[in-house]
Amino acid sequence: MTDQSYQPPITALRAFVSVAKHLHFGSAAAELGVSQPSLSQALAGLEAGLGLRLVERTTRRVMLTAEGRRLLGSAIAVCDAVDDFLLDAAGDLDPLSGTLRLGLIPTIAPYVLPRVLHGLAERRPALDLLVVEDQTDRLLGQLRDGALDAAVLALPAGAPGIGEIPMYAEDFVLALPQGHPLAGRKRLSPKMLEDLPLLLLDEGHCLRDQALEVCQLAGVSPDLRQTRAASLTTAVQCVEGGLGVTLIPQTAVAVETAAGGLATAEFARPRPGRTIGLVYRESSGRGEAYRALAADIAELVADGGAVTPAGTRSGGTDGTAVDLTPER
């Protein structure tokens, strides 16, 4: 039973959060800059004070107990609050300085990272970005567990405790083999997907779900090919090889058409598309700082000419069947 008078030290809570993140005592100790015995002692003190076992350790693996999983979110929130308190105490210390762990989904990272990394290095030289590429669900899990500070993905995320900042909206473009009769068309109806062999990404990619939603909103049942790809680049290569067609975001067009084997066609208005945003833990207390970071990223991506920052286009943020052209 928990001693109600017990006040857990922040070092013990940080030890718990780090062990939960890495599921490895050596890695957690290295992250916190302490010895492994000191880390183990801090965690043992926390468990003794709470009267609960938080971590189960065997000779082969480390895992959280049911109590540990239940309390992890609260421990992360406490650590975030302490970090925010220290930033406030420092007065003018920039919250966008030091290390920031940023996640990106695979249908964004390869196409915007070069411009974003170079631009942020110039705009925020004190910021040290660590980048993780993964699918949406796993990024959100890492964000909740404290392994990430923020992530760039398609909105809405719809996750409890996760703040969302829209950054930019982009069209979906139909990718076709060179010489296809629809190549270069500007006003395709999404209903034409009914008669085209559509290639999709594997389960877990949000772009797969978005492509299916485009078809659903158009009232069509597309010819879904058995070929599925783990990456957008693989899907595009299958298109180039004549196996079908696929949808790609506007930011991917320049990269994926550079080799010359891919043609594209644009949809008629309202063009299907998606809204990309920055997500973060609301408990971090850094909403304003992340809004500034989101504005920087949106401007850097928009400089490439493929998108317009959020707030200057009509439509919603559900990423489907919105008019992504500038308002007139």
Protein backbone atom coordinates (compact mmCIF):
# COMPACT_ATOMS: atom_id res chain seq x y z
CA MET A 1 0.00 0.00 0.00
CA THR A 2 1.31 3.45 -0.92
CA ASP A 3 2.49 5.67 1.94
CA GLN A 4 0.46 8.86 1.39
CA SER A 5 3.23 10.93 2.99
CA TYR A 6 5.85 9.67 0.54
CA GLN A 7 7.21 12.33 -1.84
CA PRO A 8 9.07 10.71 -4.74
CA PRO A 9 12.24 12.55 -5.78
CA ILE A 10 12.36 13.73 -9.38
CA THR A 11 15.54 11.69 -9.94
CA ALA A 12 13.59 8.53 -9.12
CA LEU A 13 10.75 9.47 -11.48
CA ARG A 14 13.26 10.22 -14.25
CA ALA A 15 14.87 6.83 -13.62
CA PHE A 16 11.49 5.12 -13.97
CA VAL A 17 10.61 7.00 -17.17
CA SER A 18 14.00 6.29 -18.75
CA VAL A 19 13.89 2.58 -17.89
CA ALA A 20 10.34 2.40 -19.28
CA LYS A 21 11.48 4.08 -22.49
CA HIS A 22 14.53 1.91 -23.12
CA LEU A 23 13.52 -1.29 -21.28
CA HIS A 24 17.24 -1.57 -20.59
CA PHE A 25 18.99 -0.38 -17.41
CA GLY A 26 22.32 0.31 -19.09
CA SER A 27 20.78 2.48 -21.81
CA ALA A 28 18.63 4.33 -19.26
CA ALA A 29 21.64 5.02 -17.04
CA ALA A 30 23.63 6.30 -20.03
CA GLU A 31 20.79 8.63 -21.04
CA LEU A 32 20.59 10.11 -17.54
CA GLY A 33 24.36 10.28 -17.08
CA VAL A 34 24.39 8.16 -13.92
CA SER A 35 25.84 4.78 -13.01
CA GLN A 36 23.67 1.72 -13.38
CA PRO A 37 23.77 0.97 -9.62
CA SER A 38 22.61 4.53 -8.91
CA LEU A 39 19.76 4.14 -11.39
CA SER A 40 18.71 0.81 -9.88
CA GLN A 41 18.85 2.30 -6.38
CA ALA A 42 16.67 5.27 -7.41
CA LEU A 43 14.09 2.98 -8.99
CA ALA A 44 14.11 0.62 -6.02
CA GLY A 45 13.57 3.59 -3.68
CA LEU A 46 10.61 4.73 -5.77
CA GLU A 47 9.05 1.29 -5.71
CA ALA A 48 9.60 0.98 -1.95
CA GLY A 49 8.09 4.40 -1.29
CA LEU A 50 5.04 3.64 -3.43
CA GLY A 51 4.71 0.10 -2.19
CA LEU A 52 4.38 -1.04 -5.82
CA ARG A 53 6.49 -2.98 -8.26
CA LEU A 54 6.87 -0.86 -11.40
CA VAL A 55 9.45 -2.80 -13.37
CA GLU A 56 9.96 -6.51 -13.75
CA ARG A 57 13.53 -7.54 -14.53
CA THR A 58 14.73 -11.03 -15.46
CA THR A 59 18.10 -12.21 -16.72
CA ARG A 60 16.90 -11.74 -20.31
CA ARG A 61 14.53 -8.80 -20.41
CA VAL A 62 13.08 -5.77 -18.68
CA MET A 63 9.34 -5.03 -18.80
CA LEU A 64 6.81 -2.85 -17.07
CA THR A 65 4.33 -4.32 -14.63
CA ALA A 66 0.64 -3.50 -14.91
CA GLU A 67 1.15 -0.83 -12.22
CA GLY A 68 4.14 0.54 -14.11
CA ARG A 69 2.14 0.88 -17.32
CA ARG A 70 -0.68 2.56 -15.42
CA LEU A 71 1.59 5.12 -13.73
CA LEU A 72 3.99 5.84 -16.60
CA GLY A 73 1.88 8.61 -18.14
CA SER A 74 1.67 10.44 -14.82
CA ALA A 75 5.42 10.10 -14.29
CA ILE A 76 6.11 11.56 -17.74
CA ALA A 77 3.74 14.46 -17.02
CA VAL A 78 5.57 15.19 -13.75
CA CYS A 79 8.97 15.17 -15.47
CA ASP A 80 7.61 17.44 -18.23
CA ALA A 81 6.24 19.82 -15.62
CA VAL A 82 9.57 19.98 -13.80
CA ASP A 83 11.38 20.66 -17.08
CA ASP A 84 8.91 23.44 -17.82
CA PHE A 85 9.38 24.86 -14.32
CA LEU A 86 13.14 24.96 -14.82
CA LEU A 87 12.71 26.71 -18.16
CA ASP A 88 10.48 29.32 -16.54
CA ALA A 89 12.98 29.75 -13.73
CA ALA A 90 15.73 30.35 -16.29
CA GLY A 91 13.75 33.31 -17.64
CA ASP A 92 14.87 33.92 -21.20
CA LEU A 93 16.20 30.42 -21.85
CA ASP A 94 14.94 29.32 -25.28
CA PRO A 95 12.82 26.14 -25.00
CA LEU A 96 13.80 25.37 -28.60
CA SER A 97 17.44 24.85 -27.69
CA GLY A 98 19.29 21.68 -26.86
CA THR A 99 18.15 18.25 -28.00
CA LEU A 100 14.68 17.79 -29.47
CA ARG A 101 13.57 14.30 -30.58
CA LEU A 102 11.33 14.70 -33.63
CA GLY A 103 9.37 11.90 -35.31
CA LEU A 104 8.16 11.90 -38.92
CA ILE A 105 6.05 9.45 -40.88
CA PRO A 106 7.69 7.75 -43.91
CA THR A 107 5.54 9.55 -46.49
CA ILE A 108 6.86 12.90 -45.23
CA ALA A 109 10.43 12.41 -44.03
CA PRO A 110 12.28 11.70 -47.33
CA TYR A 111 10.65 14.63 -49.10
CA VAL A 112 10.88 17.49 -46.61
CA LEU A 113 13.79 16.61 -44.31
CA PRO A 114 16.64 18.07 -46.40
CA ARG A 115 14.94 21.46 -46.62
CA VAL A 116 13.75 21.39 -42.99
CA LEU A 117 17.08 20.31 -41.49
CA HIS A 118 19.09 22.91 -43.40
CA GLY A 119 16.54 25.64 -42.68
CA LEU A 120 16.27 24.93 -38.95
CA ALA A 121 20.05 24.81 -38.64
CA GLU A 122 20.11 28.39 -39.90
CA ARG A 123 17.05 29.64 -38.01
CA ARG A 124 17.65 27.85 -34.71
CA PRO A 125 21.36 27.02 -34.40
CA ALA A 126 20.94 26.12 -30.70
CA LEU A 127 18.47 23.35 -31.56
CA ASP A 128 19.90 19.84 -31.87
CA LEU A 129 17.40 17.67 -33.75
CA LEU A 130 17.28 13.90 -33.43
CA VAL A 131 15.05 12.37 -36.12
CA VAL A 132 12.99 9.18 -35.92
CA GLU A 133 11.03 7.86 -38.93
CA ASP A 134 8.15 5.51 -38.17
CA GLN A 135 4.45 4.89 -38.76
CA THR A 136 1.84 7.07 -37.05
CA ASP A 137 0.71 4.69 -34.32
CA ARG A 138 4.26 3.92 -33.24
CA LEU A 139 5.23 7.59 -33.25
CA LEU A 140 2.25 8.42 -31.05
CA GLY A 141 3.23 5.61 -28.69
CA GLN A 142 6.79 6.92 -28.45
CA LEU A 143 5.43 10.42 -27.89
CA ARG A 144 3.20 9.26 -25.04
CA ASP A 145 6.08 7.27 -23.51
CA GLY A 146 8.43 10.26 -23.60
CA ALA A 147 10.78 8.78 -26.21
CA LEU A 148 9.84 11.64 -28.58
CA ASP A 149 9.21 15.33 -27.91
CA ALA A 150 7.12 16.01 -31.01
CA ALA A 151 6.16 14.42 -34.32
CA VAL A 152 5.17 15.48 -37.83
CA LEU A 153 2.28 13.48 -39.26
CA ALA A 154 -1.11 13.67 -40.97
CA LEU A 155 -3.93 15.18 -38.92
CA PRO A 156 -6.11 14.54 -37.11
CA ALA A 157 -4.16 12.29 -34.76
CA GLY A 158 -7.14 12.04 -32.41
CA ALA A 159 -5.03 10.84 -29.47
CA PRO A 160 -5.91 11.79 -25.86
CA GLY A 161 -3.44 14.19 -24.28
CA ILE A 162 -1.79 14.97 -27.63
CA GLY A 163 -1.88 18.54 -28.91
CA GLU A 164 -2.16 19.16 -32.67
CA ILE A 165 -0.83 22.14 -34.63
CA PRO A 166 -1.79 22.22 -38.35
CA MET A 167 1.19 23.24 -40.51
CA TYR A 168 0.31 22.82 -44.17
CA ALA A 169 -2.08 21.07 -46.55
CA GLU A 170 -1.08 19.27 -49.71
CA ASP A 171 -2.85 17.68 -52.67
CA PHE A 172 -2.74 14.03 -53.62
CA VAL A 173 -1.49 13.41 -57.16
CA LEU A 174 -2.13 10.32 -59.25
CA ALA A 175 1.13 8.57 -60.18
CA LEU A 176 1.04 6.75 -63.53
CA PRO A 177 3.49 4.92 -65.81
CA GLN A 178 5.04 7.03 -68.56
CA GLY A 179 2.87 6.98 -71.65
CA HIS A 180 -0.37 6.30 -69.76
CA PRO A 181 -3.43 7.88 -71.47
CA LEU A 182 -4.17 9.93 -68.31
CA ALA A 183 -0.62 11.29 -67.94
CA GLY A 184 -0.54 15.06 -67.64
CA ARG A 185 -4.30 15.47 -67.13
CA LYS A 186 -5.29 18.34 -64.80
CA ARG A 187 -8.94 17.68 -63.91
CA LEU A 188 -9.36 14.01 -63.17
CA SER A 189 -12.41 12.91 -61.24
CA PRO A 190 -11.63 10.62 -58.29
CA LYS A 191 -14.39 8.39 -59.73
CA MET A 192 -11.89 7.32 -62.40
CA LEU A 193 -10.11 5.30 -59.71
CA GLU A 194 -12.90 2.74 -60.19
CA ASP A 195 -11.30 1.62 -63.45
CA LEU A 196 -7.62 1.82 -62.46
CA PRO A 197 -5.42 -0.83 -60.81
CA LEU A 198 -4.63 0.90 -57.50
CA LEU A 199 -1.47 0.03 -55.58
CA LEU A 200 -1.45 0.68 -51.82
CA LEU A 201 1.09 0.83 -49.05
CA ASP A 202 1.13 -1.85 -46.35
CA GLU A 203 -1.19 -1.80 -43.36
CA GLY A 204 -0.19 0.79 -40.80
CA HIS A 205 0.67 3.55 -43.29
CA CYS A 206 -1.78 6.43 -42.97
CA LEU A 207 -1.44 7.13 -46.72
CA ARG A 208 -3.05 3.74 -47.37
CA ASP A 209 -6.06 4.71 -45.25
CA GLN A 210 -6.23 8.13 -46.89
CA ALA A 211 -6.20 6.62 -50.40
CA LEU A 212 -9.03 4.28 -49.46
CA GLU A 213 -10.97 7.21 -47.98
CA VAL A 214 -10.58 9.16 -51.23
CA CYS A 215 -12.16 6.19 -53.02
CA GLN A 216 -14.91 5.91 -50.43
CA LEU A 217 -15.81 9.59 -50.68
CA ALA A 218 -15.90 9.28 -54.46
CA GLY A 219 -18.28 6.33 -54.10
CA VAL A 220 -16.00 3.91 -55.97
CA SER A 221 -14.67 0.42 -55.28
CA PRO A 222 -11.21 0.48 -56.87
CA ASP A 223 -9.38 -2.46 -58.37
CA LEU A 224 -6.97 -3.10 -55.49
CA ARG A 225 -3.92 -4.98 -56.66
CA GLN A 226 -2.36 -7.65 -54.45
CA THR A 227 0.98 -5.85 -54.80
CA ARG A 228 1.60 -3.82 -51.65
CA ALA A 229 4.65 -1.78 -50.76
CA ALA A 230 6.40 -1.04 -47.49
CA SER A 231 7.46 2.41 -48.74
CA LEU A 232 6.16 5.02 -51.15
CA THR A 233 9.33 4.71 -53.23
CA THR A 234 8.66 0.99 -53.74
CA ALA A 235 5.05 1.72 -54.72
CA VAL A 236 6.29 4.27 -57.27
CA GLN A 237 8.77 1.77 -58.70
CA CYS A 238 5.91 -0.71 -59.13
CA VAL A 239 3.96 1.98 -60.98
CA GLU A 240 6.96 2.67 -63.23
CA GLY A 241 7.08 -1.07 -63.95
CA GLY A 242 3.47 -1.06 -65.12
CA LEU A 243 1.89 -2.84 -62.16
CA GLY A 244 -0.72 -0.16 -61.49
CA VAL A 245 -1.22 3.41 -60.28
CA THR A 246 -0.98 5.00 -56.85
CA LEU A 247 -1.61 8.25 -54.98
CA ILE A 248 1.36 10.31 -53.83
CA PRO A 249 1.44 13.59 -51.86
CA GLN A 250 2.43 16.74 -53.72
CA THR A 251 5.66 17.08 -51.71
CA ALA A 252 6.83 13.71 -53.08
CA VAL A 253 6.34 14.54 -56.76
CA ALA A 254 9.69 16.24 -57.42
CA VAL A 255 11.71 13.44 -55.84
CA GLU A 256 9.74 10.52 -57.25
CA THR A 257 9.57 11.88 -60.82
CA ALA A 258 13.25 12.87 -60.97
CA ALA A 259 14.34 9.60 -62.59
CA GLY A 260 11.95 10.19 -65.49
CA GLY A 261 10.01 6.93 -65.34
CA LEU A 262 6.91 8.32 -63.64
CA ALA A 263 4.06 10.46 -64.96
CA THR A 264 1.42 12.26 -62.90
CA ALA A 265 -2.11 13.59 -63.24
CA GLU A 266 -3.99 16.07 -61.04
CA PHE A 267 -7.52 15.79 -59.72
CA ALA A 268 -10.30 18.29 -60.28
CA ARG A 269 -11.39 20.56 -57.46
CA PRO A 270 -12.04 19.96 -54.67
CA ARG A 271 -8.79 18.05 -54.80
CA PRO A 272 -8.24 15.21 -52.36
CA GLY A 273 -5.38 15.78 -50.00
CA ARG A 274 -4.21 15.82 -46.41
CA THR A 275 -3.23 18.24 -43.67
CA ILE A 276 0.17 17.81 -42.04
CA GLY A 277 0.78 19.01 -38.51
CA LEU A 278 3.05 18.91 -35.49
CA VAL A 279 1.84 16.90 -32.49
CA TYR A 280 3.18 17.00 -28.93
CA ARG A 281 2.25 16.03 -25.37
CA GLU A 282 -0.03 18.65 -23.90
CA SER A 283 1.52 17.92 -20.49
CA SER A 284 4.89 19.23 -21.74
CA GLY A 285 3.74 22.83 -21.27
CA ARG A 286 5.60 23.83 -24.44
CA GLY A 287 2.67 24.55 -26.71
CA GLU A 288 3.89 28.04 -27.62
CA ALA A 289 7.40 26.81 -28.43
CA TYR A 290 6.03 24.00 -30.60
CA ARG A 291 3.75 26.44 -32.41
CA ALA A 292 6.84 28.48 -33.28
CA LEU A 293 8.64 25.34 -34.46
CA ALA A 294 5.60 24.30 -36.51
CA ALA A 295 5.51 27.71 -38.18
CA ASP A 296 9.20 27.38 -39.09
CA ILE A 297 8.69 23.92 -40.58
CA ALA A 298 5.59 25.01 -42.53
CA GLU A 299 7.43 27.99 -44.02
CA LEU A 300 10.43 25.86 -44.98
CA VAL A 301 8.29 23.22 -46.69
CA ALA A 302 6.17 25.88 -48.42
CA ASP A 303 9.34 27.46 -49.81
CA GLY A 304 9.54 24.41 -52.07
CA GLY A 305 6.35 25.56 -53.80
CA ALA A 306 4.37 22.33 -53.35
CA VAL A 307 2.20 23.40 -50.39
CA THR A 308 0.75 26.42 -48.65
CA PRO A 309 0.97 26.88 -44.85
CA ALA A 310 -2.16 26.08 -42.88
CA GLY A 311 -4.66 28.88 -42.56
CA THR A 312 -4.39 30.04 -46.18
CA ARG A 313 -6.37 27.22 -47.79
CA SER A 314 -10.02 26.31 -47.62
CA GLY A 315 -11.33 23.04 -46.25
CA GLY A 316 -10.95 21.04 -43.06
CA THR A 317 -8.06 19.23 -41.47
CA ASP A 318 -9.31 15.69 -41.86
CA GLY A 319 -6.97 15.13 -44.79
CA THR A 320 -9.61 14.07 -47.29
CA ALA A 321 -11.45 15.68 -50.19
CA VAL A 322 -10.67 19.27 -49.31
CA ASP A 323 -9.99 22.13 -51.67
CA LEU A 324 -6.26 22.66 -51.30
CA THR A 325 -6.03 25.56 -53.70
CA PRO A 326 -5.60 29.12 -52.39
CA GLU A 327 -8.78 31.00 -51.66
CA ARG A 328 -9.69 33.66 -54.20
